[in-house]
Amino acid sequence: MMRLLFWVLIGSLVYLAVRRLLRDSQPRVHQSAGAVRAEDMVRCAVCGLNLPKSEALPIGGRWACCAEHARQSQPADLP
């Protein structure tokens, strides 16, 4: 019985060593490579849609989600 336990222990150690060698030999991919950067969000002054600041249209201190809403949110005295 002791002989069987000894061989099971040796087999387990060999398995763990091989698994570690294979895992270490694979190239590691940085997790930040595919990560999306956080960006400030703004709200459309007309419809209230939240969208990234880089995609929004600035209109006099406010934001619009599209050209149509940018036209609607312009003050009346601007051409």
PDB file of N, CA and C in Angstrom:
ATOM      1  N   MET A   1       0.823  -1.194   0.000  1.00  0.00           N
ATOM      2  CA  MET A   1       0.000   0.000   0.000  1.00  0.00           C
ATOM      3  C   MET A   1       0.870   1.263   0.000  1.00  0.00           C
ATOM      4  N   MET A   2       1.942   1.236   0.778  1.00  0.00           N
ATOM      5  CA  MET A   2       2.844   2.385   0.842  1.00  0.00           C
ATOM      6  C   MET A   2       3.515   2.627  -0.507  1.00  0.00           C
ATOM      7  N   ARG A   3       3.815   1.541  -1.202  1.00  0.00           N
ATOM      8  CA  ARG A   3       4.431   1.673  -2.517  1.00  0.00           C
ATOM      9  C   ARG A   3       3.486   2.375  -3.489  1.00  0.00           C
ATOM     10  N   LEU A   4       2.217   2.034  -3.445  1.00  0.00           N
ATOM     11  CA  LEU A   4       1.216   2.657  -4.306  1.00  0.00           C
ATOM     12  C   LEU A   4       1.094   4.153  -4.002  1.00  0.00           C
ATOM     13  N   LEU A   5       1.032   4.514  -2.743  1.00  0.00           N
ATOM     14  CA  LEU A   5       0.956   5.930  -2.358  1.00  0.00           C
ATOM     15  C   LEU A   5       2.206   6.689  -2.799  1.00  0.00           C
ATOM     16  N   PHE A   6       3.355   6.039  -2.689  1.00  0.00           N
ATOM     17  CA  PHE A   6       4.599   6.663  -3.126  1.00  0.00           C
ATOM     18  C   PHE A   6       4.542   6.981  -4.616  1.00  0.00           C
ATOM     19  N   TRP A   7       4.093   6.037  -5.442  1.00  0.00           N
ATOM     20  CA  TRP A   7       4.044   6.261  -6.894  1.00  0.00           C
ATOM     21  C   TRP A   7       2.976   7.279  -7.290  1.00  0.00           C
ATOM     22  N   VAL A   8       1.878   7.299  -6.566  1.00  0.00           N
ATOM     23  CA  VAL A   8       0.851   8.312  -6.812  1.00  0.00           C
ATOM     24  C   VAL A   8       1.420   9.697  -6.493  1.00  0.00           C
ATOM     25  N   LEU A   9       2.158   9.825  -5.412  1.00  0.00           N
ATOM     26  CA  LEU A   9       2.772  11.095  -5.047  1.00  0.00           C
ATOM     27  C   LEU A   9       3.803  11.523  -6.093  1.00  0.00           C
ATOM     28  N   ILE A  10       4.629  10.624  -6.537  1.00  0.00           N
ATOM     29  CA  ILE A  10       5.630  10.928  -7.560  1.00  0.00           C
ATOM     30  C   ILE A  10       4.937  11.338  -8.865  1.00  0.00           C
ATOM     31  N   GLY A  11       3.906  10.612  -9.262  1.00  0.00           N
ATOM     32  CA  GLY A  11       3.162  10.941 -10.482  1.00  0.00           C
ATOM     33  C   GLY A  11       2.523  12.319 -10.397  1.00  0.00           C
ATOM     34  N   SER A  12       1.975  12.656  -9.245  1.00  0.00           N
ATOM     35  CA  SER A  12       1.353  13.965  -9.057  1.00  0.00           C
ATOM     36  C   SER A  12       2.390  15.079  -9.155  1.00  0.00           C
ATOM     37  N   LEU A  13       3.543  14.867  -8.553  1.00  0.00           N
ATOM     38  CA  LEU A  13       4.601  15.877  -8.614  1.00  0.00           C
ATOM     39  C   LEU A  13       5.101  16.070 -10.042  1.00  0.00           C
ATOM     40  N   VAL A  14       5.253  14.988 -10.790  1.00  0.00           N
ATOM     41  CA  VAL A  14       5.681  15.088 -12.184  1.00  0.00           C
ATOM     42  C   VAL A  14       4.619  15.821 -13.004  1.00  0.00           C
ATOM     43  N   TYR A  15       3.358  15.497 -12.786  1.00  0.00           N
ATOM     44  CA  TYR A  15       2.264  16.156 -13.501  1.00  0.00           C
ATOM     45  C   TYR A  15       2.267  17.662 -13.221  1.00  0.00           C
ATOM     46  N   LEU A  16       2.395  18.042 -11.958  1.00  0.00           N
ATOM     47  CA  LEU A  16       2.401  19.466 -11.603  1.00  0.00           C
ATOM     48  C   LEU A  16       3.615  20.183 -12.194  1.00  0.00           C
ATOM     49  N   ALA A  17       4.769  19.525 -12.205  1.00  0.00           N
ATOM     50  CA  ALA A  17       5.970  20.147 -12.756  1.00  0.00           C
ATOM     51  C   ALA A  17       5.830  20.357 -14.260  1.00  0.00           C
ATOM     52  N   VAL A  18       5.300  19.378 -14.973  1.00  0.00           N
ATOM     53  CA  VAL A  18       5.122  19.502 -16.425  1.00  0.00           C
ATOM     54  C   VAL A  18       4.098  20.577 -16.735  1.00  0.00           C
ATOM     55  N   ARG A  19       3.029  20.596 -15.979  1.00  0.00           N
ATOM     56  CA  ARG A  19       1.994  21.615 -16.201  1.00  0.00           C
ATOM     57  C   ARG A  19       2.546  23.016 -15.979  1.00  0.00           C
ATOM     58  N   ARG A  20       3.362  23.191 -14.956  1.00  0.00           N
ATOM     59  CA  ARG A  20       3.956  24.500 -14.687  1.00  0.00           C
ATOM     60  C   ARG A  20       4.928  24.900 -15.797  1.00  0.00           C
ATOM     61  N   LEU A  21       5.724  23.952 -16.288  1.00  0.00           N
ATOM     62  CA  LEU A  21       6.654  24.253 -17.375  1.00  0.00           C
ATOM     63  C   LEU A  21       5.910  24.661 -18.639  1.00  0.00           C
ATOM     64  N   LEU A  22       4.822  23.977 -18.957  1.00  0.00           N
ATOM     65  CA  LEU A  22       4.042  24.323 -20.149  1.00  0.00           C
ATOM     66  C   LEU A  22       3.376  25.679 -20.004  1.00  0.00           C
ATOM     67  N   ARG A  23       2.880  25.970 -18.824  1.00  0.00           N
ATOM     68  CA  ARG A  23       2.218  27.252 -18.589  1.00  0.00           C
ATOM     69  C   ARG A  23       3.221  28.402 -18.661  1.00  0.00           C
ATOM     70  N   ASP A  24       4.417  28.210 -18.125  1.00  0.00           N
ATOM     71  CA  ASP A  24       5.433  29.259 -18.142  1.00  0.00           C
ATOM     72  C   ASP A  24       6.012  29.474 -19.527  1.00  0.00           C
ATOM     73  N   SER A  25       5.971  28.465 -20.396  1.00  0.00           N
ATOM     74  CA  SER A  25       6.562  28.606 -21.722  1.00  0.00           C
ATOM     75  C   SER A  25       5.643  29.349 -22.697  1.00  0.00           C
ATOM     76  N   GLN A  26       4.363  29.470 -22.376  1.00  0.00           N
ATOM     77  CA  GLN A  26       3.429  30.172 -23.257  1.00  0.00           C
ATOM     78  C   GLN A  26       3.607  31.680 -23.075  1.00  0.00           C
ATOM     79  N   PRO A  27       3.541  32.434 -24.188  1.00  0.00           N
ATOM     80  CA  PRO A  27       3.668  33.886 -24.059  1.00  0.00           C
ATOM     81  C   PRO A  27       2.476  34.457 -23.303  1.00  0.00           C
ATOM     82  N   ARG A  28       2.756  35.413 -22.454  1.00  0.00           N
ATOM     83  CA  ARG A  28       1.694  36.027 -21.659  1.00  0.00           C
ATOM     84  C   ARG A  28       1.137  37.238 -22.382  1.00  0.00           C
ATOM     85  N   VAL A  29      -0.156  37.363 -22.343  1.00  0.00           N
ATOM     86  CA  VAL A  29      -0.832  38.509 -22.935  1.00  0.00           C
ATOM     87  C   VAL A  29      -1.183  39.452 -21.802  1.00  0.00           C
ATOM     88  N   HIS A  30      -0.778  40.698 -21.953  1.00  0.00           N
ATOM     89  CA  HIS A  30      -1.107  41.679 -20.918  1.00  0.00           C
ATOM     90  C   HIS A  30      -2.609  41.923 -20.930  1.00  0.00           C
ATOM     91  N   GLN A  31      -3.200  41.916 -19.764  1.00  0.00           N
ATOM     92  CA  GLN A  31      -4.637  42.118 -19.677  1.00  0.00           C
ATOM     93  C   GLN A  31      -5.037  43.525 -20.081  1.00  0.00           C
ATOM     94  N   SER A  32      -4.141  44.475 -19.933  1.00  0.00           N
ATOM     95  CA  SER A  32      -4.484  45.839 -20.276  1.00  0.00           C
ATOM     96  C   SER A  32      -4.460  46.081 -21.785  1.00  0.00           C
ATOM     97  N   ALA A  33      -3.923  45.122 -22.560  1.00  0.00           N
ATOM     98  CA  ALA A  33      -3.840  45.311 -24.007  1.00  0.00           C
ATOM     99  C   ALA A  33      -5.225  45.395 -24.640  1.00  0.00           C
ATOM    100  N   GLY A  34      -6.178  44.627 -24.150  1.00  0.00           N
ATOM    101  CA  GLY A  34      -7.509  44.644 -24.720  1.00  0.00           C
ATOM    102  C   GLY A  34      -8.504  45.438 -23.898  1.00  0.00           C
ATOM    103  N   ALA A  35      -8.037  46.043 -22.841  1.00  0.00           N
ATOM    104  CA  ALA A  35      -8.933  46.767 -21.960  1.00  0.00           C
ATOM    105  C   ALA A  35      -9.384  48.073 -22.605  1.00  0.00           C
ATOM    106  N   VAL A  36     -10.596  48.442 -22.312  1.00  0.00           N
ATOM    107  CA  VAL A  36     -11.162  49.686 -22.824  1.00  0.00           C
ATOM    108  C   VAL A  36     -10.906  50.769 -21.786  1.00  0.00           C
ATOM    109  N   ARG A  37     -10.439  51.907 -22.261  1.00  0.00           N
ATOM    110  CA  ARG A  37     -10.188  53.016 -21.343  1.00  0.00           C
ATOM    111  C   ARG A  37     -11.499  53.677 -20.956  1.00  0.00           C
ATOM    112  N   ALA A  38     -11.572  54.100 -19.721  1.00  0.00           N
ATOM    113  CA  ALA A  38     -12.754  54.810 -19.249  1.00  0.00           C
ATOM    114  C   ALA A  38     -12.752  56.216 -19.843  1.00  0.00           C
ATOM    115  N   GLU A  39     -13.930  56.710 -20.139  1.00  0.00           N
ATOM    116  CA  GLU A  39     -14.053  58.029 -20.743  1.00  0.00           C
ATOM    117  C   GLU A  39     -15.208  58.767 -20.078  1.00  0.00           C
ATOM    118  N   ASP A  40     -15.088  60.081 -20.015  1.00  0.00           N
ATOM    119  CA  ASP A  40     -16.157  60.896 -19.431  1.00  0.00           C
ATOM    120  C   ASP A  40     -17.408  60.787 -20.294  1.00  0.00           C
ATOM    121  N   MET A  41     -18.552  60.736 -19.615  1.00  0.00           N
ATOM    122  CA  MET A  41     -19.836  60.663 -20.306  1.00  0.00           C
ATOM    123  C   MET A  41     -20.539  62.008 -20.155  1.00  0.00           C
ATOM    124  N   VAL A  42     -21.296  62.383 -21.190  1.00  0.00           N
ATOM    125  CA  VAL A  42     -22.080  63.616 -21.163  1.00  0.00           C
ATOM    126  C   VAL A  42     -23.513  63.280 -21.576  1.00  0.00           C
ATOM    127  N   ARG A  43     -24.438  64.185 -21.249  1.00  0.00           N
ATOM    128  CA  ARG A  43     -25.856  63.968 -21.548  1.00  0.00           C
ATOM    129  C   ARG A  43     -26.289  64.923 -22.647  1.00  0.00           C
ATOM    130  N   CYS A  44     -27.021  64.398 -23.613  1.00  0.00           N
ATOM    131  CA  CYS A  44     -27.569  65.224 -24.689  1.00  0.00           C
ATOM    132  C   CYS A  44     -28.597  66.182 -24.094  1.00  0.00           C
ATOM    133  N   ALA A  45     -28.501  67.456 -24.473  1.00  0.00           N
ATOM    134  CA  ALA A  45     -29.397  68.482 -23.932  1.00  0.00           C
ATOM    135  C   ALA A  45     -30.830  68.308 -24.437  1.00  0.00           C
ATOM    136  N   VAL A  46     -31.027  67.604 -25.553  1.00  0.00           N
ATOM    137  CA  VAL A  46     -32.366  67.467 -26.131  1.00  0.00           C
ATOM    138  C   VAL A  46     -33.050  66.184 -25.665  1.00  0.00           C
ATOM    139  N   CYS A  47     -32.394  65.040 -25.863  1.00  0.00           N
ATOM    140  CA  CYS A  47     -33.059  63.766 -25.573  1.00  0.00           C
ATOM    141  C   CYS A  47     -32.598  63.105 -24.278  1.00  0.00           C
ATOM    142  N   GLY A  48     -31.513  63.594 -23.691  1.00  0.00           N
ATOM    143  CA  GLY A  48     -31.038  63.031 -22.429  1.00  0.00           C
ATOM    144  C   GLY A  48     -30.189  61.786 -22.578  1.00  0.00           C
ATOM    145  N   LEU A  49     -29.805  61.441 -23.772  1.00  0.00           N
ATOM    146  CA  LEU A  49     -28.969  60.263 -24.012  1.00  0.00           C
ATOM    147  C   LEU A  49     -27.579  60.488 -23.439  1.00  0.00           C
ATOM    148  N   ASN A  50     -27.054  59.500 -22.729  1.00  0.00           N
ATOM    149  CA  ASN A  50     -25.679  59.565 -22.238  1.00  0.00           C
ATOM    150  C   ASN A  50     -24.768  58.949 -23.284  1.00  0.00           C
ATOM    151  N   LEU A  51     -23.684  59.662 -23.622  1.00  0.00           N
ATOM    152  CA  LEU A  51     -22.738  59.162 -24.614  1.00  0.00           C
ATOM    153  C   LEU A  51     -21.343  59.630 -24.259  1.00  0.00           C
ATOM    154  N   PRO A  52     -20.303  58.957 -24.797  1.00  0.00           N
ATOM    155  CA  PRO A  52     -18.934  59.373 -24.515  1.00  0.00           C
ATOM    156  C   PRO A  52     -18.681  60.795 -25.002  1.00  0.00           C
ATOM    157  N   LYS A  53     -17.887  61.527 -24.271  1.00  0.00           N
ATOM    158  CA  LYS A  53     -17.603  62.924 -24.590  1.00  0.00           C
ATOM    159  C   LYS A  53     -16.964  63.062 -25.967  1.00  0.00           C
ATOM    160  N   SER A  54     -16.169  62.058 -26.378  1.00  0.00           N
ATOM    161  CA  SER A  54     -15.501  62.130 -27.673  1.00  0.00           C
ATOM    162  C   SER A  54     -16.484  62.018 -28.841  1.00  0.00           C
ATOM    163  N   GLU A  55     -17.660  61.467 -28.604  1.00  0.00           N
ATOM    164  CA  GLU A  55     -18.660  61.314 -29.662  1.00  0.00           C
ATOM    165  C   GLU A  55     -19.716  62.413 -29.637  1.00  0.00           C
ATOM    166  N   ALA A  56     -19.722  63.237 -28.595  1.00  0.00           N
ATOM    167  CA  ALA A  56     -20.747  64.272 -28.442  1.00  0.00           C
ATOM    168  C   ALA A  56     -20.346  65.545 -29.183  1.00  0.00           C
ATOM    169  N   LEU A  57     -21.342  66.351 -29.508  1.00  0.00           N
ATOM    170  CA  LEU A  57     -21.126  67.634 -30.174  1.00  0.00           C
ATOM    171  C   LEU A  57     -21.324  68.748 -29.152  1.00  0.00           C
ATOM    172  N   PRO A  58     -20.278  69.553 -28.892  1.00  0.00           N
ATOM    173  CA  PRO A  58     -20.425  70.647 -27.916  1.00  0.00           C
ATOM    174  C   PRO A  58     -21.208  71.815 -28.515  1.00  0.00           C
ATOM    175  N   ILE A  59     -22.204  72.276 -27.789  1.00  0.00           N
ATOM    176  CA  ILE A  59     -23.034  73.397 -28.230  1.00  0.00           C
ATOM    177  C   ILE A  59     -23.176  74.359 -27.057  1.00  0.00           C
ATOM    178  N   GLY A  60     -22.353  75.406 -27.041  1.00  0.00           N
ATOM    179  CA  GLY A  60     -22.466  76.461 -26.027  1.00  0.00           C
ATOM    180  C   GLY A  60     -22.479  75.963 -24.599  1.00  0.00           C
ATOM    181  N   GLY A  61     -21.578  75.099 -24.217  1.00  0.00           N
ATOM    182  CA  GLY A  61     -21.516  74.604 -22.846  1.00  0.00           C
ATOM    183  C   GLY A  61     -22.411  73.399 -22.602  1.00  0.00           C
ATOM    184  N   ARG A  62     -23.225  73.038 -23.556  1.00  0.00           N
ATOM    185  CA  ARG A  62     -24.074  71.851 -23.458  1.00  0.00           C
ATOM    186  C   ARG A  62     -23.597  70.843 -24.494  1.00  0.00           C
ATOM    187  N   TRP A  63     -24.227  69.698 -24.531  1.00  0.00           N
ATOM    188  CA  TRP A  63     -23.804  68.629 -25.433  1.00  0.00           C
ATOM    189  C   TRP A  63     -24.994  68.110 -26.222  1.00  0.00           C
ATOM    190  N   ALA A  64     -24.726  67.649 -27.431  1.00  0.00           N
ATOM    191  CA  ALA A  64     -25.759  67.047 -28.270  1.00  0.00           C
ATOM    192  C   ALA A  64     -25.242  65.712 -28.796  1.00  0.00           C
ATOM    193  N   CYS A  65     -26.162  64.773 -29.033  1.00  0.00           N
ATOM    194  CA  CYS A  65     -25.764  63.440 -29.490  1.00  0.00           C
ATOM    195  C   CYS A  65     -25.686  63.347 -31.012  1.00  0.00           C
ATOM    196  N   CYS A  66     -26.337  64.273 -31.720  1.00  0.00           N
ATOM    197  CA  CYS A  66     -26.310  64.234 -33.187  1.00  0.00           C
ATOM    198  C   CYS A  66     -26.488  65.658 -33.727  1.00  0.00           C
ATOM    199  N   ALA A  67     -26.310  65.804 -35.036  1.00  0.00           N
ATOM    200  CA  ALA A  67     -26.410  67.128 -35.656  1.00  0.00           C
ATOM    201  C   ALA A  67     -27.816  67.707 -35.516  1.00  0.00           C
ATOM    202  N   GLU A  68     -28.826  66.866 -35.618  1.00  0.00           N
ATOM    203  CA  GLU A  68     -30.216  67.330 -35.493  1.00  0.00           C
ATOM    204  C   GLU A  68     -30.460  67.916 -34.104  1.00  0.00           C
ATOM    205  N   HIS A  69     -30.002  67.252 -33.082  1.00  0.00           N
ATOM    206  CA  HIS A  69     -30.191  67.758 -31.722  1.00  0.00           C
ATOM    207  C   HIS A  69     -29.302  68.966 -31.462  1.00  0.00           C
ATOM    208  N   ALA A  70     -28.159  69.049 -32.142  1.00  0.00           N
ATOM    209  CA  ALA A  70     -27.307  70.232 -32.014  1.00  0.00           C
ATOM    210  C   ALA A  70     -28.031  71.448 -32.572  1.00  0.00           C
ATOM    211  N   ARG A  71     -28.732  71.273 -33.690  1.00  0.00           N
ATOM    212  CA  ARG A  71     -29.514  72.391 -34.272  1.00  0.00           C
ATOM    213  C   ARG A  71     -30.670  72.771 -33.353  1.00  0.00           C
ATOM    214  N   GLN A  72     -31.327  71.793 -32.773  1.00  0.00           N
ATOM    215  CA  GLN A  72     -32.467  72.068 -31.901  1.00  0.00           C
ATOM    216  C   GLN A  72     -32.063  72.769 -30.608  1.00  0.00           C
ATOM    217  N   SER A  73     -30.849  72.483 -30.119  1.00  0.00           N
ATOM    218  CA  SER A  73     -30.437  73.050 -28.825  1.00  0.00           C
ATOM    219  C   SER A  73     -29.728  74.387 -28.953  1.00  0.00           C
ATOM    220  N   GLN A  74     -29.495  74.887 -30.172  1.00  0.00           N
ATOM    221  CA  GLN A  74     -28.860  76.187 -30.330  1.00  0.00           C
ATOM    222  C   GLN A  74     -29.826  77.282 -29.921  1.00  0.00           C
ATOM    223  N   PRO A  75     -29.293  78.319 -29.264  1.00  0.00           N
ATOM    224  CA  PRO A  75     -30.154  79.458 -28.915  1.00  0.00           C
ATOM    225  C   PRO A  75     -30.705  80.125 -30.181  1.00  0.00           C
ATOM    226  N   ALA A  76     -31.847  80.783 -30.069  1.00  0.00           N
ATOM    227  CA  ALA A  76     -32.530  81.359 -31.234  1.00  0.00           C
ATOM    228  C   ALA A  76     -31.746  82.528 -31.851  1.00  0.00           C
ATOM    229  N   ASP A  77     -30.920  83.209 -31.060  1.00  0.00           N
ATOM    230  CA  ASP A  77     -30.231  84.369 -31.610  1.00  0.00           C
ATOM    231  C   ASP A  77     -28.983  84.007 -32.426  1.00  0.00           C
ATOM    232  N   LEU A  78     -28.571  82.736 -32.418  1.00  0.00           N
ATOM    233  CA  LEU A  78     -27.434  82.311 -33.237  1.00  0.00           C
ATOM    234  C   LEU A  78     -27.934  81.880 -34.607  1.00  0.00           C
ATOM    235  N   PRO A  79     -27.160  82.157 -35.663  1.00  0.00           N
ATOM    236  CA  PRO A  79     -27.598  81.777 -37.030  1.00  0.00           C
ATOM    237  C   PRO A  79     -27.582  80.289 -37.228  1.00  0.00           C
TER     238      PRO A  79
END
